[in-house]
């Protein structure tokens, strides 16, 4: 009888221990839910870089909300395109006045122009505070993307002479190759770019190779990793777009907590840019700024700014005159930002990006 009681106690103890252990199992990489448990990890893993849609003519709509991220230390750099437009240039000036670095994208539409080098020089002259340029955006294209696409081989035939031109004529500007589209063929397109001359460009001084990553599947990381190891070890890998796929506000925090460290480890990612600050989709940290609907913050946005709602306020003076304060502009500088010294376009807001991973 005593032995039966001891056996029963042992079974209860083992069962209780197993149940407790189950509660501590990590979330599966294919199931990014239960993000609330990942708040601390997400804040620790967050990289303060974000893609921003300019919203031409927005007259300062985004700035009060962006300032919350800046003031929280959660925003140090943005990626933005269409910098040939004066309004976008003014938006860039506002960022520079806040000490935020800009990664500019040189639009795909110019790459087939016979005067592409001169057009690039115009962009540099019009944006003296932009020191890093990405030569195109998702240059391989994808169905429904709304911008010009290229085969990897055609793209490299354009990018190589543009790189050597910029190296000679704009020595203070850093260039990044254009990232391939963030879909199922991305890693293979990167392989073809390497075969078509990307490796030589990196050996000749191209510093940055961007990647767009939109998958929880570890096979995607392995596919990219197999190509990255072919590049010189000095090549800087930047993830210039990433998000959960399909997008879901409830998984944003879990995605950052789990995938950011995995991208750093597997891809030696030096920077990770979240896609995107604001648009009418669950990719965004903030909704309602592009389409005039009520403003909503995602759980990740609230986590980053340390708020539970959208009621945090910033000084109206900080966003006067399209967000550019007169006392800020004189302090702007054309030198490379301090944190860069060690090495020295988007779909319409009315048509949120659609991606298909195969």
Protein backbone atom coordinates (compact mmCIF):
# COMPACT_ATOMS: atom_id res chain seq x y z
CA UNK A 1 0.00 0.00 0.00
CA UNK A 2 2.83 2.37 0.90
CA UNK A 3 4.53 1.72 -2.41
CA UNK A 4 1.31 2.53 -4.30
CA UNK A 5 1.02 5.84 -2.46
CA UNK A 6 4.66 6.69 -3.20
CA UNK A 7 4.13 5.83 -6.88
CA UNK A 8 1.03 8.03 -7.03
CA UNK A 9 2.93 10.95 -5.47
CA UNK A 10 5.75 10.48 -7.97
CA UNK A 11 3.33 10.53 -10.92
CA UNK A 12 1.72 13.74 -9.62
CA UNK A 13 5.11 15.41 -9.19
CA UNK A 14 6.27 14.42 -12.66
CA UNK A 15 3.01 15.58 -14.24
CA UNK A 16 3.21 18.94 -12.46
CA UNK A 17 6.82 19.43 -13.48
CA UNK A 18 6.02 18.62 -17.11
CA UNK A 19 3.13 21.11 -17.14
CA UNK A 20 5.34 23.83 -15.65
CA UNK A 21 8.06 23.15 -18.17
CA UNK A 22 5.57 23.38 -21.03
CA UNK A 23 4.73 26.93 -19.99
CA UNK A 24 8.35 27.98 -20.49
CA UNK A 25 8.78 26.56 -23.97
CA UNK A 26 9.73 29.28 -26.51
CA UNK A 27 7.22 30.33 -29.10
CA UNK A 28 7.66 28.48 -32.39
CA UNK A 29 9.23 30.54 -35.16
CA UNK A 30 6.23 29.64 -37.33
CA UNK A 31 3.78 30.83 -34.64
CA UNK A 32 4.74 34.37 -33.61
CA UNK A 33 1.66 34.91 -31.42
CA UNK A 34 1.62 35.39 -27.66
CA UNK A 35 3.68 38.51 -28.27
CA UNK A 36 2.83 39.99 -24.88
CA UNK A 37 5.39 37.73 -23.25
CA UNK A 38 8.04 39.13 -25.57
CA UNK A 39 7.79 42.82 -24.66
CA UNK A 40 11.11 42.98 -22.82
CA UNK A 41 12.87 40.98 -25.51
CA UNK A 42 11.38 43.13 -28.27
CA UNK A 43 12.57 46.36 -26.61
CA UNK A 44 16.04 44.87 -26.18
CA UNK A 45 16.23 43.55 -29.76
CA UNK A 46 14.69 46.59 -31.51
CA UNK A 47 16.95 48.40 -33.98
CA UNK A 48 16.11 52.13 -34.23
CA UNK A 49 15.67 52.20 -38.02
CA UNK A 50 12.38 52.47 -39.91
CA UNK A 51 11.13 52.92 -43.46
CA UNK A 52 9.04 56.06 -43.92
CA UNK A 53 6.59 56.91 -46.70
CA UNK A 54 6.86 60.66 -47.28
CA UNK A 55 3.12 61.26 -48.00
CA UNK A 56 3.72 64.11 -50.44
CA UNK A 57 2.11 67.29 -49.15
CA UNK A 58 1.45 65.92 -45.68
CA UNK A 59 2.33 69.30 -44.10
CA UNK A 60 3.64 67.78 -40.92
CA UNK A 61 1.08 65.04 -40.29
CA UNK A 62 3.65 62.38 -39.38
CA UNK A 63 6.12 64.48 -37.40
CA UNK A 64 4.36 64.57 -33.99
CA UNK A 65 4.17 60.79 -34.00
CA UNK A 66 7.72 60.32 -35.25
CA UNK A 67 8.94 62.63 -32.49
CA UNK A 68 7.60 60.22 -29.90
CA UNK A 69 9.93 57.53 -31.26
CA UNK A 70 12.85 59.95 -31.44
CA UNK A 71 12.32 61.17 -27.90
CA UNK A 72 12.09 57.56 -26.69
CA UNK A 73 15.42 56.74 -28.33
CA UNK A 74 13.69 54.30 -30.68
CA UNK A 75 14.48 56.08 -33.95
CA UNK A 76 17.97 56.93 -35.23
CA UNK A 77 17.60 56.42 -38.96
CA UNK A 78 14.96 56.30 -41.68
CA UNK A 79 14.83 54.96 -45.19
CA UNK A 80 12.92 57.07 -47.69
CA UNK A 81 12.59 57.57 -51.44
CA UNK A 82 11.38 60.16 -53.94
CA UNK A 83 14.02 62.59 -52.73
CA UNK A 84 13.95 64.39 -56.05
CA UNK A 85 10.74 66.10 -54.84
CA UNK A 86 11.03 69.36 -52.87
CA UNK A 87 8.46 68.31 -50.26
CA UNK A 88 10.32 65.08 -49.56
CA UNK A 89 13.55 67.09 -49.34
CA UNK A 90 11.95 69.27 -46.69
CA UNK A 91 10.82 66.17 -44.80
CA UNK A 92 14.42 64.89 -44.98
CA UNK A 93 15.63 68.24 -43.63
CA UNK A 94 13.31 67.87 -40.67
CA UNK A 95 14.77 64.44 -39.91
CA UNK A 96 18.30 65.81 -40.15
CA UNK A 97 17.38 68.59 -37.75
CA UNK A 98 16.31 65.92 -35.27
CA UNK A 99 19.63 64.09 -35.64
CA UNK A 100 18.07 61.23 -37.61
CA UNK A 101 20.16 59.72 -40.39
CA UNK A 102 18.63 59.14 -43.83
CA UNK A 103 19.14 56.22 -46.17
CA UNK A 104 17.92 57.54 -49.52
CA UNK A 105 16.64 55.27 -52.27
CA UNK A 106 17.46 56.26 -55.84
CA UNK A 107 14.26 55.38 -57.70
CA UNK A 108 14.18 52.47 -60.13
CA UNK A 109 12.59 54.64 -62.82
CA UNK A 110 15.90 56.44 -63.40
CA UNK A 111 18.10 53.40 -63.80
CA UNK A 112 17.43 52.82 -67.51
CA UNK A 113 17.83 56.51 -68.35
CA UNK A 114 20.96 57.12 -70.46
CA UNK A 115 21.72 60.07 -68.16
CA UNK A 116 21.42 58.03 -64.96
CA UNK A 117 24.78 59.22 -63.60
CA UNK A 118 23.89 62.88 -64.03
CA UNK A 119 20.48 62.30 -62.45
CA UNK A 120 22.17 60.66 -59.48
CA UNK A 121 24.46 63.70 -59.12
CA UNK A 122 21.38 65.94 -59.08
CA UNK A 123 19.91 63.87 -56.24
CA UNK A 124 23.12 64.19 -54.25
CA UNK A 125 23.28 67.95 -54.83
CA UNK A 126 19.62 68.42 -53.83
CA UNK A 127 20.05 66.37 -50.64
CA UNK A 128 23.38 67.43 -49.10
CA UNK A 129 22.50 65.79 -45.78
CA UNK A 130 21.97 62.31 -47.27
CA UNK A 131 25.20 60.33 -47.15
CA UNK A 132 24.00 56.84 -47.98
CA UNK A 133 22.10 55.97 -51.16
CA UNK A 134 20.51 52.68 -52.13
CA UNK A 135 20.64 52.19 -55.91
CA UNK A 136 17.02 51.24 -56.50
CA UNK A 137 14.37 49.52 -54.42
CA UNK A 138 13.43 45.85 -54.78
CA UNK A 139 15.07 45.93 -58.17
CA UNK A 140 13.93 42.45 -59.17
CA UNK A 141 10.30 43.60 -58.87
CA UNK A 142 7.30 41.39 -58.16
CA UNK A 143 3.72 41.18 -59.48
CA UNK A 144 1.69 44.21 -58.45
CA UNK A 145 4.65 46.12 -57.00
CA UNK A 146 3.97 49.21 -59.08
CA UNK A 147 7.59 50.02 -59.91
CA UNK A 148 10.17 49.09 -62.52
CA UNK A 149 11.89 45.73 -62.17
CA UNK A 150 15.02 44.24 -63.70
CA UNK A 151 16.66 40.88 -64.08
CA UNK A 152 19.66 40.61 -61.74
CA UNK A 153 22.00 40.61 -64.72
CA UNK A 154 20.47 43.72 -66.29
CA UNK A 155 20.51 45.51 -62.97
CA UNK A 156 24.20 44.81 -62.40
CA UNK A 157 25.06 46.14 -65.85
CA UNK A 158 23.50 49.45 -64.76
CA UNK A 159 24.66 49.51 -61.14
CA UNK A 160 28.33 48.80 -61.77
CA UNK A 161 29.13 51.90 -63.88
CA UNK A 162 26.96 54.03 -61.59
CA UNK A 163 28.96 52.83 -58.58
CA UNK A 164 32.30 53.68 -60.18
CA UNK A 165 30.95 57.08 -61.30
CA UNK A 166 29.75 57.87 -57.77
CA UNK A 167 32.99 56.65 -56.23
CA UNK A 168 34.95 59.10 -58.36
CA UNK A 169 32.57 62.07 -58.29
CA UNK A 170 30.96 61.76 -54.83
CA UNK A 171 33.61 60.28 -52.54
CA UNK A 172 31.76 61.33 -49.36
CA UNK A 173 28.66 59.36 -50.33
CA UNK A 174 28.23 55.72 -49.44
CA UNK A 175 26.38 53.46 -51.87
CA UNK A 176 24.28 50.39 -51.20
CA UNK A 177 23.24 47.98 -53.89
CA UNK A 178 19.49 47.84 -54.50
CA UNK A 179 17.82 45.08 -52.49
CA UNK A 180 16.00 42.38 -54.41
CA UNK A 181 12.28 41.94 -53.75
CA UNK A 182 11.40 40.27 -50.47
CA UNK A 183 9.72 37.21 -51.95
CA UNK A 184 10.49 33.54 -52.43
CA UNK A 185 13.11 34.07 -55.14
CA UNK A 186 15.09 36.73 -53.28
CA UNK A 187 18.09 34.61 -52.31
CA UNK A 188 18.41 33.21 -55.81
CA UNK A 189 18.29 36.72 -57.26
CA UNK A 190 21.05 37.73 -54.85
CA UNK A 191 23.07 34.74 -56.09
CA UNK A 192 22.65 35.91 -59.67
CA UNK A 193 23.71 39.46 -58.72
CA UNK A 194 26.85 38.09 -57.09
CA UNK A 195 27.59 36.04 -60.20
CA UNK A 196 27.02 39.13 -62.37
CA UNK A 197 29.58 41.33 -60.58
CA UNK A 198 28.36 42.21 -57.08
CA UNK A 199 31.30 40.46 -55.45
CA UNK A 200 33.73 42.57 -57.51
CA UNK A 201 31.89 45.77 -56.53
CA UNK A 202 32.26 44.84 -52.86
CA UNK A 203 35.96 44.18 -53.37
CA UNK A 204 36.25 47.60 -55.04
CA UNK A 205 34.61 49.48 -52.18
CA UNK A 206 30.86 48.96 -52.23
CA UNK A 207 30.17 48.83 -48.50
CA UNK A 208 26.53 47.87 -48.07
CA UNK A 209 24.39 45.02 -49.38
CA UNK A 210 20.73 45.39 -48.33
CA UNK A 211 18.30 42.49 -47.96
CA UNK A 212 14.53 42.51 -47.64
CA UNK A 213 13.28 39.72 -45.39
CA UNK A 214 9.61 38.89 -44.87
CA UNK A 215 9.52 35.31 -43.65
CA UNK A 216 9.41 33.44 -40.35
CA UNK A 217 10.72 30.31 -42.09
CA UNK A 218 14.27 29.45 -41.14
CA UNK A 219 14.88 28.11 -44.65
CA UNK A 220 14.81 31.70 -45.91
CA UNK A 221 17.59 32.63 -43.52
CA UNK A 222 19.64 29.65 -44.65
CA UNK A 223 19.12 30.55 -48.31
CA UNK A 224 20.35 34.10 -47.78
CA UNK A 225 23.17 32.95 -45.54
CA UNK A 226 24.49 30.66 -48.29
CA UNK A 227 24.92 33.72 -50.54
CA UNK A 228 26.17 36.19 -47.94
CA UNK A 229 29.16 33.97 -47.16
CA UNK A 230 30.27 34.50 -50.77
CA UNK A 231 30.73 38.24 -50.14
CA UNK A 232 33.83 39.79 -48.54
CA UNK A 233 33.65 39.67 -44.75
CA UNK A 234 33.95 43.47 -44.69
CA UNK A 235 30.61 43.82 -46.52
CA UNK A 236 27.96 45.39 -44.29
CA UNK A 237 24.59 43.62 -44.43
CA UNK A 238 21.59 45.84 -43.80
CA UNK A 239 18.04 44.49 -43.64
CA UNK A 240 16.34 47.51 -45.17
CA UNK A 241 12.81 46.08 -44.99
CA UNK A 242 11.34 43.49 -42.68
CA UNK A 243 8.03 42.63 -41.06
CA UNK A 244 5.78 39.71 -40.26
CA UNK A 245 4.19 38.07 -43.30
CA UNK A 246 1.26 38.29 -43.65
CA UNK A 247 1.25 41.43 -41.51
CA UNK A 248 -0.61 41.34 -38.23
CA UNK A 249 -0.46 43.91 -35.44
CA UNK A 250 -0.72 41.17 -32.82
CA UNK A 251 2.54 39.55 -33.99
CA UNK A 252 4.75 42.62 -34.46
CA UNK A 253 6.26 42.44 -30.98
CA UNK A 254 6.92 38.72 -31.19
CA UNK A 255 8.48 39.14 -34.63
CA UNK A 256 11.01 41.68 -33.34
CA UNK A 257 11.76 39.60 -30.24
CA UNK A 258 12.44 36.42 -32.21
CA UNK A 259 13.46 37.36 -35.74
CA UNK A 260 15.73 40.35 -35.11
CA UNK A 261 18.34 38.29 -33.20
CA UNK A 262 18.03 35.49 -35.75
CA UNK A 263 18.71 37.90 -38.63
CA UNK A 264 21.71 39.33 -36.79
CA UNK A 265 23.11 35.88 -36.13
CA UNK A 266 22.40 34.15 -39.44
CA UNK A 267 22.87 37.08 -41.81
CA UNK A 268 25.38 39.15 -39.77
CA UNK A 269 22.88 41.97 -40.12
CA UNK A 270 24.37 45.24 -38.89
CA UNK A 271 21.12 47.18 -39.22
CA UNK A 272 17.46 46.24 -39.43
CA UNK A 273 14.87 48.69 -40.81
CA UNK A 274 11.25 48.02 -39.87
CA UNK A 275 8.74 48.30 -42.72
CA UNK A 276 6.94 50.66 -42.22
CA UNK A 277 6.16 53.67 -39.99
CA UNK A 278 2.74 54.49 -41.42
CA UNK A 279 0.43 53.24 -44.14
CA UNK A 280 -3.12 51.81 -44.18
CA UNK A 281 -2.06 48.24 -43.40
CA UNK A 282 -0.87 46.02 -40.56
CA UNK A 283 2.73 46.52 -41.73
CA UNK A 284 2.53 49.95 -40.10
CA UNK A 285 3.34 51.10 -36.60
CA UNK A 286 0.77 53.88 -37.01
CA UNK A 287 -2.45 53.88 -39.02
CA UNK A 288 -4.71 56.77 -39.93
CA UNK A 289 -2.08 59.28 -41.05
CA UNK A 290 -2.26 58.49 -44.75
CA UNK A 291 -6.00 58.18 -45.23
CA UNK A 292 -7.55 60.45 -42.62
CA UNK A 293 -9.07 57.65 -40.55
CA UNK A 294 -8.75 57.73 -36.74
CA UNK A 295 -5.12 57.45 -35.66
CA UNK A 296 -4.18 54.09 -34.17
CA UNK A 297 -0.90 52.85 -32.72
CA UNK A 298 0.15 49.22 -32.95
CA UNK A 299 1.14 47.39 -29.74
CA UNK A 300 4.78 47.57 -30.89
CA UNK A 301 4.57 51.34 -31.36
CA UNK A 302 3.12 51.75 -27.87
CA UNK A 303 5.82 49.51 -26.45
CA UNK A 304 8.61 51.52 -28.10
CA UNK A 305 7.34 54.88 -26.87
CA UNK A 306 6.41 53.55 -23.44
CA UNK A 307 2.70 54.29 -23.77
CA UNK A 308 -0.56 52.37 -23.60
CA UNK A 309 -2.45 54.71 -25.92
CA UNK A 310 -1.97 57.52 -28.43
CA UNK A 311 -2.38 60.38 -25.98
CA UNK A 312 1.30 61.23 -25.57
CA UNK A 313 1.97 64.76 -26.80
CA UNK A 314 4.88 66.69 -28.25
CA UNK A 315 5.47 70.40 -28.55
CA UNK A 316 3.64 72.01 -31.46
CA UNK A 317 6.68 74.25 -31.94
CA UNK A 318 8.73 71.21 -32.86
CA UNK A 319 6.67 70.65 -36.01
CA UNK A 320 5.95 74.19 -37.15
CA UNK A 321 6.84 75.08 -40.76
CA UNK A 322 6.45 71.52 -42.06
CA UNK A 323 8.26 70.23 -39.03
CA UNK A 324 11.41 72.29 -39.55
CA UNK A 325 12.10 74.66 -36.69
CA UNK A 326 14.14 77.76 -37.72
CA UNK A 327 16.48 77.27 -34.79
CA UNK A 328 17.20 73.69 -35.87
CA UNK A 329 18.18 74.31 -39.48
CA UNK A 330 21.38 76.33 -38.83
CA UNK A 331 22.77 73.39 -36.86
CA UNK A 332 22.44 70.96 -39.74
CA UNK A 333 25.69 69.50 -40.96
CA UNK A 334 26.86 67.88 -44.19
CA UNK A 335 29.42 65.59 -42.58
CA UNK A 336 28.95 61.86 -42.20
CA UNK A 337 27.09 61.14 -38.94
CA UNK A 338 29.30 60.04 -36.05
CA UNK A 339 27.90 56.52 -35.90
CA UNK A 340 28.83 56.02 -39.58
CA UNK A 341 32.45 57.13 -39.19
CA UNK A 342 33.84 53.65 -38.75
CA UNK A 343 33.44 53.10 -42.47
CA UNK A 344 33.25 56.38 -43.10
CA UNK A 345 10.33 53.81 -53.37
CA UNK A 346 7.58 52.70 -52.18
CA UNK A 347 4.09 51.71 -53.47
CA UNK A 348 1.39 54.33 -53.19
CA UNK A 349 0.00 54.74 -49.69
CA UNK A 350 -3.40 53.90 -51.23
CA UNK A 351 -2.16 50.52 -52.42
CA UNK A 352 -0.34 48.80 -49.56
CA UNK A 353 2.33 46.37 -50.64
CA UNK A 354 1.28 42.80 -51.36
CA UNK A 355 3.85 40.05 -51.01
CA UNK A 356 3.69 36.40 -51.82
CA UNK A 357 6.22 33.98 -50.40
CA UNK A 358 6.33 30.70 -52.25
